[in-house]
């Protein structure tokens, strides 16, 4: 692994660590204090994504999500050879984030593990839909020169918050295999976790491909804070 790839992988680790510690931490703190509520939890997830995209997007592209990395590779905006490094960094960051929460807060709220509150089929469908909408926004602001790149962090963070607001009470609005599996592994909970891996991957693929279809003519890749990744993809 070259030094630049190592640094980008490290940025993915840190971003996913922040996502889990802040987002799942909000779930746990609310379980203890009742101070945040559903709106506060959803806002926390959206805000931490927004902040970390702004902080690390120029380094790694700020995926923080194995499903997003997969969809970028599928749509030829990211090199397949780097997918294992990014995904490994994301899962490690989520695992370390959940471990930090367990040390600091104990076993409150199952460490924020995502579990269906309705049927598995219902949550599966929601996770596909939510991740498709999220990936649609991500790929539009990250790869299309017609989009305003400076708004990427706001647009993506807002999408995460909106998805969590309306669907979180049913499916948990994970949209992210790392965000779900990290806490699940630390908490020792495996119930229905497969859906939080498969559904986001399917959804991200759908969202990415739909945007590719409707975007019109292909533009040269000019990402919002994602130029190093773009260059690597162009070299394939």
C-alpha atoms as a PDB file:
ATOM      1  CA  UNK A   1       0.000   0.000   0.000  1.00  0.00           C
ATOM      2  CA  UNK A   2       1.459   3.378  -0.989  1.00  0.00           C
ATOM      3  CA  UNK A   3       1.530   6.217   1.513  1.00  0.00           C
ATOM      4  CA  UNK A   4      -1.231   8.185  -0.181  1.00  0.00           C
ATOM      5  CA  UNK A   5      -3.599   5.208  -0.148  1.00  0.00           C
ATOM      6  CA  UNK A   6      -2.702   4.607   3.498  1.00  0.00           C
ATOM      7  CA  UNK A   7      -3.585   8.206   4.339  1.00  0.00           C
ATOM      8  CA  UNK A   8      -6.896   8.010   2.491  1.00  0.00           C
ATOM      9  CA  UNK A   9      -7.732   4.742   4.211  1.00  0.00           C
ATOM     10  CA  UNK A  10      -6.905   6.386   7.529  1.00  0.00           C
ATOM     11  CA  UNK A  11      -9.267   9.248   6.705  1.00  0.00           C
ATOM     12  CA  UNK A  12     -12.021   6.719   6.013  1.00  0.00           C
ATOM     13  CA  UNK A  13     -11.305   5.027   9.342  1.00  0.00           C
ATOM     14  CA  UNK A  14     -11.495   8.321  11.234  1.00  0.00           C
ATOM     15  CA  UNK A  15     -14.646   9.450   9.468  1.00  0.00           C
ATOM     16  CA  UNK A  16     -16.473   6.193  10.161  1.00  0.00           C
ATOM     17  CA  UNK A  17     -15.212   6.236  13.742  1.00  0.00           C
ATOM     18  CA  UNK A  18     -16.726   9.699  14.168  1.00  0.00           C
ATOM     19  CA  UNK A  19     -19.995   8.574  12.582  1.00  0.00           C
ATOM     20  CA  UNK A  20     -20.391   5.680  15.020  1.00  0.00           C
ATOM     21  CA  UNK A  21     -19.229   7.474  18.144  1.00  0.00           C
ATOM     22  CA  UNK A  22     -21.439  10.519  17.524  1.00  0.00           C
ATOM     23  CA  UNK A  23     -24.454   8.823  15.949  1.00  0.00           C
ATOM     24  CA  UNK A  24     -24.649   5.683  18.039  1.00  0.00           C
ATOM     25  CA  UNK A  25     -23.451   7.688  21.009  1.00  0.00           C
ATOM     26  CA  UNK A  26     -26.492   9.947  20.579  1.00  0.00           C
ATOM     27  CA  UNK A  27     -28.765   6.898  20.717  1.00  0.00           C
ATOM     28  CA  UNK A  28     -27.087   5.735  23.911  1.00  0.00           C
ATOM     29  CA  UNK A  29     -27.088   9.137  25.598  1.00  0.00           C
ATOM     30  CA  UNK A  30     -30.762   9.586  24.766  1.00  0.00           C
ATOM     31  CA  UNK A  31     -31.519   6.178  26.268  1.00  0.00           C
ATOM     32  CA  UNK A  32     -29.879   7.346  29.495  1.00  0.00           C
ATOM     33  CA  UNK A  33     -31.067  10.940  29.668  1.00  0.00           C
ATOM     34  CA  UNK A  34     -33.954  11.365  27.226  1.00  0.00           C
ATOM     35  CA  UNK A  35     -32.406  14.709  26.312  1.00  0.00           C
ATOM     36  CA  UNK A  36     -32.080  14.298  22.546  1.00  0.00           C
ATOM     37  CA  UNK A  37     -35.195  12.581  21.248  1.00  0.00           C
ATOM     38  CA  UNK A  38     -35.651  11.155  17.764  1.00  0.00           C
ATOM     39  CA  UNK A  39     -35.049  14.510  16.061  1.00  0.00           C
ATOM     40  CA  UNK A  40     -31.841  15.064  18.005  1.00  0.00           C
ATOM     41  CA  UNK A  41     -30.520  11.618  17.100  1.00  0.00           C
ATOM     42  CA  UNK A  42     -31.333  12.073  13.407  1.00  0.00           C
ATOM     43  CA  UNK A  43     -29.718  15.518  13.429  1.00  0.00           C
ATOM     44  CA  UNK A  44     -26.584  14.107  15.071  1.00  0.00           C
ATOM     45  CA  UNK A  45     -26.137  11.518  12.331  1.00  0.00           C
ATOM     46  CA  UNK A  46     -26.593  14.143   9.640  1.00  0.00           C
ATOM     47  CA  UNK A  47     -24.347  16.709  11.280  1.00  0.00           C
ATOM     48  CA  UNK A  48     -21.444  14.340  11.942  1.00  0.00           C
ATOM     49  CA  UNK A  49     -21.522  13.237   8.303  1.00  0.00           C
ATOM     50  CA  UNK A  50     -21.555  16.855   7.159  1.00  0.00           C
ATOM     51  CA  UNK A  51     -18.658  17.806   9.419  1.00  0.00           C
ATOM     52  CA  UNK A  52     -16.488  14.834   8.503  1.00  0.00           C
ATOM     53  CA  UNK A  53     -17.066  15.305   4.768  1.00  0.00           C
ATOM     54  CA  UNK A  54     -15.906  18.893   5.158  1.00  0.00           C
ATOM     55  CA  UNK A  55     -12.897  17.740   7.194  1.00  0.00           C
ATOM     56  CA  UNK A  56     -11.704  14.767   5.124  1.00  0.00           C
ATOM     57  CA  UNK A  57     -13.447  14.939   1.745  1.00  0.00           C
ATOM     58  CA  UNK A  58     -10.375  16.471   0.112  1.00  0.00           C
ATOM     59  CA  UNK A  59      -8.279  13.551   1.375  1.00  0.00           C
ATOM     60  CA  UNK A  60     -10.309  10.404   0.765  1.00  0.00           C
ATOM     61  CA  UNK A  61     -13.556  11.503  -0.844  1.00  0.00           C
ATOM     62  CA  UNK A  62     -15.330  10.830   2.469  1.00  0.00           C
ATOM     63  CA  UNK A  63     -17.233   7.639   1.694  1.00  0.00           C
ATOM     64  CA  UNK A  64     -17.447   6.319   5.308  1.00  0.00           C
ATOM     65  CA  UNK A  65     -19.673   3.544   3.957  1.00  0.00           C
ATOM     66  CA  UNK A  66     -18.779   0.248   2.220  1.00  0.00           C
ATOM     67  CA  UNK A  67     -21.974   0.427   0.142  1.00  0.00           C
ATOM     68  CA  UNK A  68     -20.973   3.863  -1.169  1.00  0.00           C
ATOM     69  CA  UNK A  69     -17.458   2.670  -1.999  1.00  0.00           C
ATOM     70  CA  UNK A  70     -18.926  -0.335  -3.835  1.00  0.00           C
ATOM     71  CA  UNK A  71     -21.324   1.862  -5.819  1.00  0.00           C
ATOM     72  CA  UNK A  72     -18.546   4.285  -6.800  1.00  0.00           C
ATOM     73  CA  UNK A  73     -16.499   1.347  -8.085  1.00  0.00           C
ATOM     74  CA  UNK A  74     -19.512  -0.120  -9.894  1.00  0.00           C
ATOM     75  CA  UNK A  75     -20.107   3.175 -11.705  1.00  0.00           C
ATOM     76  CA  UNK A  76     -16.392   3.474 -12.570  1.00  0.00           C
ATOM     77  CA  UNK A  77     -15.676   6.425 -10.289  1.00  0.00           C
ATOM     78  CA  UNK A  78     -13.368   4.479  -7.990  1.00  0.00           C
ATOM     79  CA  UNK A  79     -10.743   1.791  -8.659  1.00  0.00           C
ATOM     80  CA  UNK A  80     -11.780  -1.736  -7.666  1.00  0.00           C
ATOM     81  CA  UNK A  81      -8.253  -2.477  -6.467  1.00  0.00           C
ATOM     82  CA  UNK A  82      -8.658   0.092  -3.662  1.00  0.00           C
ATOM     83  CA  UNK A  83     -12.090  -1.077  -2.484  1.00  0.00           C
ATOM     84  CA  UNK A  84     -10.724  -3.611   0.070  1.00  0.00           C
ATOM     85  CA  UNK A  85      -8.567  -0.932   1.718  1.00  0.00           C
ATOM     86  CA  UNK A  86     -11.409   1.584   2.029  1.00  0.00           C
ATOM     87  CA  UNK A  87     -13.891  -1.043   3.246  1.00  0.00           C
ATOM     88  CA  UNK A  88     -11.371  -2.408   5.739  1.00  0.00           C
ATOM     89  CA  UNK A  89     -10.739   1.083   7.120  1.00  0.00           C
ATOM     90  CA  UNK A  90     -14.461   1.777   7.387  1.00  0.00           C
ATOM     91  CA  UNK A  91     -15.230  -1.438   9.264  1.00  0.00           C
ATOM     92  CA  UNK A  92     -12.282  -0.962  11.589  1.00  0.00           C
ATOM     93  CA  UNK A  93     -13.364   2.610  12.325  1.00  0.00           C
ATOM     94  CA  UNK A  94     -16.907   1.460  13.116  1.00  0.00           C
ATOM     95  CA  UNK A  95     -15.630  -1.327  15.360  1.00  0.00           C
ATOM     96  CA  UNK A  96     -13.300   1.019  17.248  1.00  0.00           C
ATOM     97  CA  UNK A  97     -16.070   3.602  17.581  1.00  0.00           C
ATOM     98  CA  UNK A  98     -18.425   1.036  19.104  1.00  0.00           C
ATOM     99  CA  UNK A  99     -15.648  -0.137  21.418  1.00  0.00           C
ATOM    100  CA  UNK A 100     -15.080   3.423  22.583  1.00  0.00           C
ATOM    101  CA  UNK A 101     -18.773   3.820  23.367  1.00  0.00           C
ATOM    102  CA  UNK A 102     -18.838   0.601  25.333  1.00  0.00           C
ATOM    103  CA  UNK A 103     -15.915   1.767  27.464  1.00  0.00           C
ATOM    104  CA  UNK A 104     -17.383   5.230  28.040  1.00  0.00           C
ATOM    105  CA  UNK A 105     -21.103   4.508  28.317  1.00  0.00           C
ATOM    106  CA  UNK A 106     -21.464   0.789  28.965  1.00  0.00           C
ATOM    107  CA  UNK A 107     -24.036  -1.379  27.206  1.00  0.00           C
ATOM    108  CA  UNK A 108     -26.793   1.213  26.903  1.00  0.00           C
ATOM    109  CA  UNK A 109     -29.279   0.724  24.044  1.00  0.00           C
ATOM    110  CA  UNK A 110     -27.250  -2.193  22.657  1.00  0.00           C
ATOM    111  CA  UNK A 111     -24.584   0.322  21.563  1.00  0.00           C
ATOM    112  CA  UNK A 112     -27.002   1.760  18.998  1.00  0.00           C
ATOM    113  CA  UNK A 113     -27.300  -1.483  17.024  1.00  0.00           C
ATOM    114  CA  UNK A 114     -29.794  -1.250  14.146  1.00  0.00           C
ATOM    115  CA  UNK A 115     -32.688  -3.708  14.428  1.00  0.00           C
ATOM    116  CA  UNK A 116     -36.010  -3.825  12.556  1.00  0.00           C
ATOM    117  CA  UNK A 117     -38.980  -2.622  14.568  1.00  0.00           C
ATOM    118  CA  UNK A 118     -41.412  -4.059  12.007  1.00  0.00           C
ATOM    119  CA  UNK A 119     -40.963  -7.000   9.677  1.00  0.00           C
ATOM    120  CA  UNK A 120     -37.600  -7.887   8.182  1.00  0.00           C
ATOM    121  CA  UNK A 121     -39.034  -7.448   4.684  1.00  0.00           C
ATOM    122  CA  UNK A 122     -40.253  -3.949   5.545  1.00  0.00           C
ATOM    123  CA  UNK A 123     -36.870  -2.894   6.906  1.00  0.00           C
ATOM    124  CA  UNK A 124     -35.077  -4.494   3.961  1.00  0.00           C
ATOM    125  CA  UNK A 125     -37.181  -2.489   1.524  1.00  0.00           C
ATOM    126  CA  UNK A 126     -36.673   0.712   3.478  1.00  0.00           C
ATOM    127  CA  UNK A 127     -32.902   0.255   3.645  1.00  0.00           C
ATOM    128  CA  UNK A 128     -32.766  -0.293  -0.126  1.00  0.00           C
ATOM    129  CA  UNK A 129     -34.848   2.844  -0.723  1.00  0.00           C
ATOM    130  CA  UNK A 130     -32.980   5.000   1.790  1.00  0.00           C
ATOM    131  CA  UNK A 131     -29.544   4.006   0.536  1.00  0.00           C
ATOM    132  CA  UNK A 132     -30.585   4.485  -3.085  1.00  0.00           C
ATOM    133  CA  UNK A 133     -31.686   8.042  -2.335  1.00  0.00           C
ATOM    134  CA  UNK A 134     -28.515   8.720  -0.365  1.00  0.00           C
ATOM    135  CA  UNK A 135     -26.251   7.375  -3.117  1.00  0.00           C
ATOM    136  CA  UNK A 136     -28.174   9.344  -5.732  1.00  0.00           C
ATOM    137  CA  UNK A 137     -27.340  12.538  -3.852  1.00  0.00           C
ATOM    138  CA  UNK A 138     -23.745  11.526  -3.157  1.00  0.00           C
ATOM    139  CA  UNK A 139     -22.871  10.632  -6.733  1.00  0.00           C
ATOM    140  CA  UNK A 140     -24.587  13.733  -8.090  1.00  0.00           C
ATOM    141  CA  UNK A 141     -22.622  16.181  -5.960  1.00  0.00           C
ATOM    142  CA  UNK A 142     -19.370  14.194  -6.079  1.00  0.00           C
ATOM    143  CA  UNK A 143     -18.969  13.322  -9.765  1.00  0.00           C
ATOM    144  CA  UNK A 144     -20.938  15.765 -11.875  1.00  0.00           C
ATOM    145  CA  UNK A 145     -19.265  19.040 -12.806  1.00  0.00           C
ATOM    146  CA  UNK A 146     -22.693  20.654 -13.130  1.00  0.00           C
ATOM    147  CA  UNK A 147     -23.303  20.265  -9.404  1.00  0.00           C
ATOM    148  CA  UNK A 148     -22.062  22.848  -6.911  1.00  0.00           C
ATOM    149  CA  UNK A 149     -19.248  20.999  -5.160  1.00  0.00           C
ATOM    150  CA  UNK A 150     -19.138  23.268  -2.132  1.00  0.00           C
ATOM    151  CA  UNK A 151     -22.615  22.120  -1.108  1.00  0.00           C
ATOM    152  CA  UNK A 152     -21.693  18.410  -1.049  1.00  0.00           C
ATOM    153  CA  UNK A 153     -21.274  18.158   2.718  1.00  0.00           C
ATOM    154  CA  UNK A 154     -24.555  19.952   3.397  1.00  0.00           C
ATOM    155  CA  UNK A 155     -26.528  17.972   0.811  1.00  0.00           C
ATOM    156  CA  UNK A 156     -25.248  14.588   1.956  1.00  0.00           C
ATOM    157  CA  UNK A 157     -25.559  15.343   5.659  1.00  0.00           C
ATOM    158  CA  UNK A 158     -29.088  16.638   5.155  1.00  0.00           C
ATOM    159  CA  UNK A 159     -30.043  13.486   3.230  1.00  0.00           C
ATOM    160  CA  UNK A 160     -28.784  11.290   6.069  1.00  0.00           C
ATOM    161  CA  UNK A 161     -30.758  13.352   8.596  1.00  0.00           C
ATOM    162  CA  UNK A 162     -33.972  13.333   6.533  1.00  0.00           C
ATOM    163  CA  UNK A 163     -33.758   9.578   5.961  1.00  0.00           C
ATOM    164  CA  UNK A 164     -33.182   9.017   9.673  1.00  0.00           C
ATOM    165  CA  UNK A 165     -36.065  11.308  10.596  1.00  0.00           C
ATOM    166  CA  UNK A 166     -38.763   9.524   8.638  1.00  0.00           C
ATOM    167  CA  UNK A 167     -37.542   5.921   8.501  1.00  0.00           C
ATOM    168  CA  UNK A 168     -35.312   5.566  11.540  1.00  0.00           C
ATOM    169  CA  UNK A 169     -38.113   4.388  13.835  1.00  0.00           C
ATOM    170  CA  UNK A 170     -38.841   1.447  11.494  1.00  0.00           C
ATOM    171  CA  UNK A 171     -35.518   0.194  10.098  1.00  0.00           C
ATOM    172  CA  UNK A 172     -32.964   2.221  12.036  1.00  0.00           C
ATOM    173  CA  UNK A 173     -32.025   4.050   8.808  1.00  0.00           C
ATOM    174  CA  UNK A 174     -28.550   2.552   8.742  1.00  0.00           C
ATOM    175  CA  UNK A 175     -27.775   2.801   5.003  1.00  0.00           C
ATOM    176  CA  UNK A 176     -24.299   1.640   5.961  1.00  0.00           C
ATOM    177  CA  UNK A 177     -22.988  -1.904   6.612  1.00  0.00           C
ATOM    178  CA  UNK A 178     -20.085  -0.616   8.705  1.00  0.00           C
ATOM    179  CA  UNK A 179     -22.314   1.560  10.912  1.00  0.00           C
ATOM    180  CA  UNK A 180     -24.469  -1.495  11.645  1.00  0.00           C
ATOM    181  CA  UNK A 181     -21.899  -4.278  11.926  1.00  0.00           C
ATOM    182  CA  UNK A 182     -19.399  -2.373  14.082  1.00  0.00           C
ATOM    183  CA  UNK A 183     -21.778  -1.928  17.040  1.00  0.00           C
ATOM    184  CA  UNK A 184     -23.345  -5.362  16.414  1.00  0.00           C
ATOM    185  CA  UNK A 185     -19.975  -7.096  16.698  1.00  0.00           C
ATOM    186  CA  UNK A 186     -19.006  -5.265  19.883  1.00  0.00           C
ATOM    187  CA  UNK A 187     -22.460  -5.834  21.416  1.00  0.00           C
ATOM    188  CA  UNK A 188     -22.527  -9.482  20.327  1.00  0.00           C
ATOM    189  CA  UNK A 189     -25.837  -9.076  18.457  1.00  0.00           C
ATOM    190  CA  UNK A 190     -26.255 -10.845  15.133  1.00  0.00           C
ATOM    191  CA  UNK A 191     -30.038 -10.759  14.757  1.00  0.00           C
ATOM    192  CA  UNK A 192     -31.076  -9.673  11.239  1.00  0.00           C
ATOM    193  CA  UNK A 193     -27.758  -7.909  10.635  1.00  0.00           C
ATOM    194  CA  UNK A 194     -27.481  -9.491   7.185  1.00  0.00           C
ATOM    195  CA  UNK A 195     -30.160  -7.126   5.898  1.00  0.00           C
ATOM    196  CA  UNK A 196     -28.068  -4.110   6.918  1.00  0.00           C
ATOM    197  CA  UNK A 197     -25.283  -5.423   4.695  1.00  0.00           C
ATOM    198  CA  UNK A 198     -27.178  -6.613   1.639  1.00  0.00           C
ATOM    199  CA  UNK A 199     -29.905  -3.959   1.424  1.00  0.00           C
ATOM    200  CA  UNK A 200     -27.543  -0.937   1.508  1.00  0.00           C
ATOM    201  CA  UNK A 201     -25.304  -2.499  -1.149  1.00  0.00           C
ATOM    202  CA  UNK A 202     -28.299  -3.087  -3.424  1.00  0.00           C
ATOM    203  CA  UNK A 203     -29.664   0.373  -2.714  1.00  0.00           C
ATOM    204  CA  UNK A 204     -26.351   2.133  -3.340  1.00  0.00           C
ATOM    205  CA  UNK A 205     -25.928   0.287  -6.629  1.00  0.00           C
ATOM    206  CA  UNK A 206     -29.439   1.328  -7.707  1.00  0.00           C
ATOM    207  CA  UNK A 207     -28.931   4.960  -6.705  1.00  0.00           C
ATOM    208  CA  UNK A 208     -25.580   5.201  -8.474  1.00  0.00           C
ATOM    209  CA  UNK A 209     -26.796   3.549 -11.668  1.00  0.00           C
ATOM    210  CA  UNK A 210     -29.999   5.611 -11.810  1.00  0.00           C
ATOM    211  CA  UNK A 211     -27.994   8.827 -11.664  1.00  0.00           C
ATOM    212  CA  UNK A 212     -25.664   7.552 -14.371  1.00  0.00           C
ATOM    213  CA  UNK A 213     -28.689   7.011 -16.601  1.00  0.00           C
ATOM    214  CA  UNK A 214     -30.314  10.409 -16.059  1.00  0.00           C
ATOM    215  CA  UNK A 215     -27.213  12.580 -15.874  1.00  0.00           C
ATOM    216  CA  UNK A 216     -26.913  12.791 -19.655  1.00  0.00           C
ATOM    217  CA  UNK A 217     -23.522  13.097 -21.275  1.00  0.00           C
ATOM    218  CA  UNK A 218     -20.574  11.853 -19.267  1.00  0.00           C
ATOM    219  CA  UNK A 219     -18.516  14.614 -17.693  1.00  0.00           C
ATOM    220  CA  UNK A 220     -14.881  14.401 -16.773  1.00  0.00           C
ATOM    221  CA  UNK A 221     -14.655  13.364 -13.154  1.00  0.00           C
ATOM    222  CA  UNK A 222     -14.347  16.431 -10.945  1.00  0.00           C
ATOM    223  CA  UNK A 223     -15.355  15.473  -7.464  1.00  0.00           C
ATOM    224  CA  UNK A 224     -16.265  17.562  -4.467  1.00  0.00           C
ATOM    225  CA  UNK A 225     -13.223  16.954  -2.327  1.00  0.00           C
ATOM    226  CA  UNK A 226     -12.531  13.680  -4.144  1.00  0.00           C
ATOM    227  CA  UNK A 227      -9.833  14.539  -6.692  1.00  0.00           C
ATOM    228  CA  UNK A 228      -7.251  12.003  -5.428  1.00  0.00           C
ATOM    229  CA  UNK A 229      -9.774   9.195  -5.869  1.00  0.00           C
ATOM    230  CA  UNK A 230     -10.793  10.502  -9.262  1.00  0.00           C
ATOM    231  CA  UNK A 231      -7.218  10.527 -10.445  1.00  0.00           C
ATOM    232  CA  UNK A 232      -6.712   6.981  -9.266  1.00  0.00           C
ATOM    233  CA  UNK A 233      -9.838   5.848 -11.078  1.00  0.00           C
ATOM    234  CA  UNK A 234      -8.764   7.590 -14.263  1.00  0.00           C
ATOM    235  CA  UNK A 235      -5.506   5.660 -14.188  1.00  0.00           C
ATOM    236  CA  UNK A 236      -7.225   2.292 -14.410  1.00  0.00           C
END
